[in-house]
Amino acid sequence: MKIHGPNHSNMNPYQKSQQIQKQTASKSHSLKPDQLEISDKALKMQQKDSRQAYVNEIKQQVDNGEYKVNNKETAKKLLNYWKT
């Protein structure tokens, strides 16, 4: 039995990786384009009047010294943020 070097199959691995890249590039053109979907809740938040009223209400509470932070909810949201 004779061995003629490490690449006895006459296949260049560099050429094979290039062929795979070309195949994936051609497949990506046939895929559907990206789409953006905004939830109903996000659309409501984007409406200027309701969002501005909410911000004004919080500003007024802060100015009057009536705004209170819910520590437990803030901590839960921070933990959830760092867990994901």
Protein backbone atom coordinates (compact mmCIF):
# COMPACT_ATOMS: atom_id res chain seq x y z
CA MET A 1 0.00 0.00 0.00
CA LYS A 2 1.42 3.39 -1.01
CA ILE A 3 0.58 6.72 0.57
CA HIS A 4 1.22 9.81 -1.53
CA GLY A 5 0.99 12.62 1.02
CA PRO A 6 -1.81 13.73 3.34
CA ASN A 7 -4.18 14.77 0.53
CA HIS A 8 -4.48 11.56 -1.45
CA SER A 9 -8.08 12.30 -2.55
CA ASN A 10 -6.88 15.13 -4.83
CA MET A 11 -9.40 17.47 -3.21
CA ASN A 12 -8.20 20.87 -2.12
CA PRO A 13 -10.02 21.84 1.12
CA TYR A 14 -9.69 25.54 0.24
CA GLN A 15 -11.54 24.99 -3.05
CA LYS A 16 -14.23 23.00 -1.29
CA SER A 17 -14.85 25.83 1.22
CA GLN A 18 -15.10 28.30 -1.68
CA GLN A 19 -17.69 26.10 -3.39
CA ILE A 20 -19.74 25.93 -0.20
CA GLN A 21 -19.63 29.72 0.16
CA LYS A 22 -20.82 30.17 -3.42
CA GLN A 23 -23.69 27.74 -2.84
CA THR A 24 -24.84 29.52 0.33
CA ALA A 25 -24.56 32.91 -1.38
CA SER A 26 -26.79 31.75 -4.22
CA LYS A 27 -29.32 30.33 -1.75
CA SER A 28 -29.48 33.56 0.22
CA HIS A 29 -30.72 35.45 -2.85
CA SER A 30 -33.68 33.12 -3.17
CA LEU A 31 -34.82 33.71 0.43
CA LYS A 32 -37.55 36.19 1.29
CA PRO A 33 -36.38 39.67 2.22
CA ASP A 34 -36.32 40.75 5.86
CA GLN A 35 -39.51 42.20 7.26
CA LEU A 36 -40.22 44.41 10.21
CA GLU A 37 -43.35 43.91 12.27
CA ILE A 38 -44.37 46.25 15.05
CA SER A 39 -46.78 45.03 17.72
CA ASP A 40 -49.99 46.85 18.54
CA LYS A 41 -48.58 47.85 21.90
CA ALA A 42 -45.52 49.41 20.25
CA LEU A 43 -47.71 51.28 17.79
CA LYS A 44 -49.74 52.72 20.65
CA MET A 45 -46.55 53.79 22.39
CA GLN A 46 -45.41 55.58 19.25
CA GLN A 47 -48.52 57.71 19.09
CA LYS A 48 -47.37 61.14 20.12
CA ASP A 49 -50.40 62.23 22.15
CA SER A 50 -50.65 59.23 24.48
CA ARG A 51 -46.89 58.99 25.01
CA GLN A 52 -46.53 62.72 25.61
CA ALA A 53 -49.40 62.66 28.11
CA TYR A 54 -47.72 59.79 29.97
CA VAL A 55 -44.39 61.63 30.07
CA ASN A 56 -46.04 64.86 31.22
CA GLU A 57 -47.83 62.99 34.02
CA ILE A 58 -44.55 61.53 35.29
CA LYS A 59 -42.83 64.92 35.04
CA GLN A 60 -45.59 66.50 37.09
CA GLN A 61 -45.33 63.79 39.76
CA VAL A 62 -41.55 64.29 39.95
CA ASP A 63 -41.93 68.07 40.22
CA ASN A 64 -44.51 67.70 43.02
CA GLY A 65 -42.38 65.11 44.84
CA GLU A 66 -45.13 62.50 44.50
CA TYR A 67 -43.33 60.08 42.17
CA LYS A 68 -42.44 56.81 43.88
CA VAL A 69 -40.19 54.12 42.48
CA ASN A 70 -41.34 50.53 42.89
CA ASN A 71 -38.08 48.94 44.05
CA LYS A 72 -39.26 45.35 43.67
CA GLU A 73 -40.43 45.83 40.08
CA THR A 74 -37.21 47.64 39.19
CA ALA A 75 -35.13 44.83 40.68
CA LYS A 76 -37.16 42.18 38.83
CA LYS A 77 -36.71 43.94 35.52
CA LEU A 78 -32.97 44.33 36.09
CA LEU A 79 -32.61 40.63 36.94
CA ASN A 80 -34.65 39.60 33.90
CA TYR A 81 -32.51 41.83 31.71
CA TRP A 82 -29.26 40.32 32.93
CA LYS A 83 -30.56 36.73 32.80
CA THR A 84 -31.30 36.90 29.09
